[in-house]
Amino acid sequence: MARIIFSTFWLVFIAELGDKTQLETMLLSAKHHSPLPVFIGACLALICSSVLGVFAGTYITKYIPPNFIQSAAGVLFIIMGVLILFNKM
């Protein structure tokens, strides 16, 4: 179990570095000159989104194979990237 916790921590930590969420929290902290409330809000948001992901993943994989979910997520990320690139989102 410790190995799963450790690998999950590092995967999420690395994935979140430099993404839009981190940049947004930096901007909010600078704008409001209040790092603690921004930190608390960002932590709560990450906890909530993680809870949704864990429960959705647990439920969905009972009906849909994980490799299909991974492929669909990859396709959706590519589509979102193209839409963002052409300012359609």
C-alpha atoms as a PDB file:
ATOM      1  CA  MET A   1       0.000   0.000   0.000  1.00  0.00           C
ATOM      2  CA  ALA A   2       2.848   2.418   0.776  1.00  0.00           C
ATOM      3  CA  ARG A   3       4.189   1.889  -2.740  1.00  0.00           C
ATOM      4  CA  ILE A   4       0.835   2.874  -4.272  1.00  0.00           C
ATOM      5  CA  ILE A   5       0.673   5.998  -2.086  1.00  0.00           C
ATOM      6  CA  PHE A   6       4.248   6.959  -2.948  1.00  0.00           C
ATOM      7  CA  SER A   7       3.829   6.430  -6.701  1.00  0.00           C
ATOM      8  CA  THR A   8       0.483   8.257  -6.731  1.00  0.00           C
ATOM      9  CA  PHE A   9       1.991  11.198  -4.843  1.00  0.00           C
ATOM     10  CA  TRP A  10       4.870  11.566  -7.275  1.00  0.00           C
ATOM     11  CA  LEU A  11       2.697  11.085 -10.351  1.00  0.00           C
ATOM     12  CA  VAL A  12       0.237  13.786  -9.260  1.00  0.00           C
ATOM     13  CA  PHE A  13       3.027  16.060  -7.993  1.00  0.00           C
ATOM     14  CA  ILE A  14       4.947  15.911 -11.283  1.00  0.00           C
ATOM     15  CA  ALA A  15       1.764  16.199 -13.371  1.00  0.00           C
ATOM     16  CA  GLU A  16       0.665  19.335 -11.505  1.00  0.00           C
ATOM     17  CA  LEU A  17       3.993  21.175 -11.767  1.00  0.00           C
ATOM     18  CA  GLY A  18       3.734  24.039 -14.224  1.00  0.00           C
ATOM     19  CA  ASP A  19       0.162  23.307 -15.277  1.00  0.00           C
ATOM     20  CA  LYS A  20      -2.670  25.830 -15.485  1.00  0.00           C
ATOM     21  CA  THR A  21      -3.753  25.112 -11.916  1.00  0.00           C
ATOM     22  CA  GLN A  22      -0.363  25.947 -10.466  1.00  0.00           C
ATOM     23  CA  LEU A  23      -0.062  29.088 -12.572  1.00  0.00           C
ATOM     24  CA  GLU A  24      -3.540  30.179 -11.519  1.00  0.00           C
ATOM     25  CA  THR A  25      -2.795  29.687  -7.830  1.00  0.00           C
ATOM     26  CA  MET A  26       0.397  31.717  -8.248  1.00  0.00           C
ATOM     27  CA  LEU A  27      -1.592  34.520  -9.853  1.00  0.00           C
ATOM     28  CA  LEU A  28      -4.306  34.421  -7.189  1.00  0.00           C
ATOM     29  CA  SER A  29      -1.721  34.512  -4.418  1.00  0.00           C
ATOM     30  CA  ALA A  30       0.039  37.471  -5.999  1.00  0.00           C
ATOM     31  CA  LYS A  31      -3.226  39.296  -6.701  1.00  0.00           C
ATOM     32  CA  HIS A  32      -4.667  38.946  -3.208  1.00  0.00           C
ATOM     33  CA  HIS A  33      -1.371  39.069  -1.276  1.00  0.00           C
ATOM     34  CA  SER A  34      -2.853  36.285   0.830  1.00  0.00           C
ATOM     35  CA  PRO A  35      -1.038  32.994   0.293  1.00  0.00           C
ATOM     36  CA  LEU A  36      -2.667  30.991   3.104  1.00  0.00           C
ATOM     37  CA  PRO A  37      -6.308  31.277   1.921  1.00  0.00           C
ATOM     38  CA  VAL A  38      -5.220  30.568  -1.663  1.00  0.00           C
ATOM     39  CA  PHE A  39      -3.240  27.540  -0.463  1.00  0.00           C
ATOM     40  CA  ILE A  40      -6.193  26.227   1.558  1.00  0.00           C
ATOM     41  CA  GLY A  41      -8.615  26.748  -1.340  1.00  0.00           C
ATOM     42  CA  ALA A  42      -6.256  25.057  -3.821  1.00  0.00           C
ATOM     43  CA  CYS A  43      -5.725  22.099  -1.454  1.00  0.00           C
ATOM     44  CA  LEU A  44      -9.451  21.649  -0.934  1.00  0.00           C
ATOM     45  CA  ALA A  45     -10.065  21.809  -4.685  1.00  0.00           C
ATOM     46  CA  LEU A  46      -7.377  19.202  -5.383  1.00  0.00           C
ATOM     47  CA  ILE A  47      -8.775  16.953  -2.663  1.00  0.00           C
ATOM     48  CA  CYS A  48     -12.313  17.225  -4.082  1.00  0.00           C
ATOM     49  CA  SER A  49     -11.215  16.583  -7.665  1.00  0.00           C
ATOM     50  CA  SER A  50      -9.097  13.633  -6.494  1.00  0.00           C
ATOM     51  CA  VAL A  51     -12.046  12.147  -4.597  1.00  0.00           C
ATOM     52  CA  LEU A  52     -14.189  12.453  -7.710  1.00  0.00           C
ATOM     53  CA  GLY A  53     -11.464  10.839  -9.805  1.00  0.00           C
ATOM     54  CA  VAL A  54     -10.981   7.932  -7.424  1.00  0.00           C
ATOM     55  CA  PHE A  55     -14.692   7.190  -7.097  1.00  0.00           C
ATOM     56  CA  ALA A  56     -15.361   7.672 -10.811  1.00  0.00           C
ATOM     57  CA  GLY A  57     -12.387   5.457 -11.680  1.00  0.00           C
ATOM     58  CA  THR A  58     -13.547   2.772  -9.278  1.00  0.00           C
ATOM     59  CA  TYR A  59     -17.087   2.830 -10.673  1.00  0.00           C
ATOM     60  CA  ILE A  60     -16.316   3.246 -14.377  1.00  0.00           C
ATOM     61  CA  THR A  61     -13.701   0.468 -14.528  1.00  0.00           C
ATOM     62  CA  LYS A  62     -16.366  -2.019 -13.468  1.00  0.00           C
ATOM     63  CA  TYR A  63     -18.001  -1.467 -16.861  1.00  0.00           C
ATOM     64  CA  ILE A  64     -15.293  -0.106 -19.158  1.00  0.00           C
ATOM     65  CA  PRO A  65     -11.768  -1.565 -19.507  1.00  0.00           C
ATOM     66  CA  PRO A  66      -9.016   0.755 -18.174  1.00  0.00           C
ATOM     67  CA  ASN A  67      -7.058   0.651 -21.459  1.00  0.00           C
ATOM     68  CA  PHE A  68     -10.108   2.028 -23.307  1.00  0.00           C
ATOM     69  CA  ILE A  69     -10.445   4.841 -20.751  1.00  0.00           C
ATOM     70  CA  GLN A  70      -6.744   5.668 -21.154  1.00  0.00           C
ATOM     71  CA  SER A  71      -7.027   5.774 -24.950  1.00  0.00           C
ATOM     72  CA  ALA A  72     -10.185   7.899 -24.820  1.00  0.00           C
ATOM     73  CA  ALA A  73      -8.512  10.315 -22.396  1.00  0.00           C
ATOM     74  CA  GLY A  74      -5.541  10.626 -24.752  1.00  0.00           C
ATOM     75  CA  VAL A  75      -7.801  11.409 -27.701  1.00  0.00           C
ATOM     76  CA  LEU A  76      -9.748  13.967 -25.655  1.00  0.00           C
ATOM     77  CA  PHE A  77      -6.526  15.691 -24.561  1.00  0.00           C
ATOM     78  CA  ILE A  78      -5.405  15.925 -28.181  1.00  0.00           C
ATOM     79  CA  ILE A  79      -8.776  17.364 -29.227  1.00  0.00           C
ATOM     80  CA  MET A  80      -8.687  19.911 -26.378  1.00  0.00           C
ATOM     81  CA  GLY A  81      -5.111  20.845 -27.297  1.00  0.00           C
ATOM     82  CA  VAL A  82      -6.080  21.466 -30.929  1.00  0.00           C
ATOM     83  CA  LEU A  83      -9.145  23.506 -29.878  1.00  0.00           C
ATOM     84  CA  ILE A  84      -7.050  25.587 -27.479  1.00  0.00           C
ATOM     85  CA  LEU A  85      -4.413  26.064 -30.162  1.00  0.00           C
ATOM     86  CA  PHE A  86      -7.019  27.556 -32.494  1.00  0.00           C
ATOM     87  CA  ASN A  87      -8.781  29.531 -29.715  1.00  0.00           C
ATOM     88  CA  LYS A  88     -11.983  27.498 -29.907  1.00  0.00           C
ATOM     89  CA  MET A  89     -12.171  26.822 -26.163  1.00  0.00           C
END
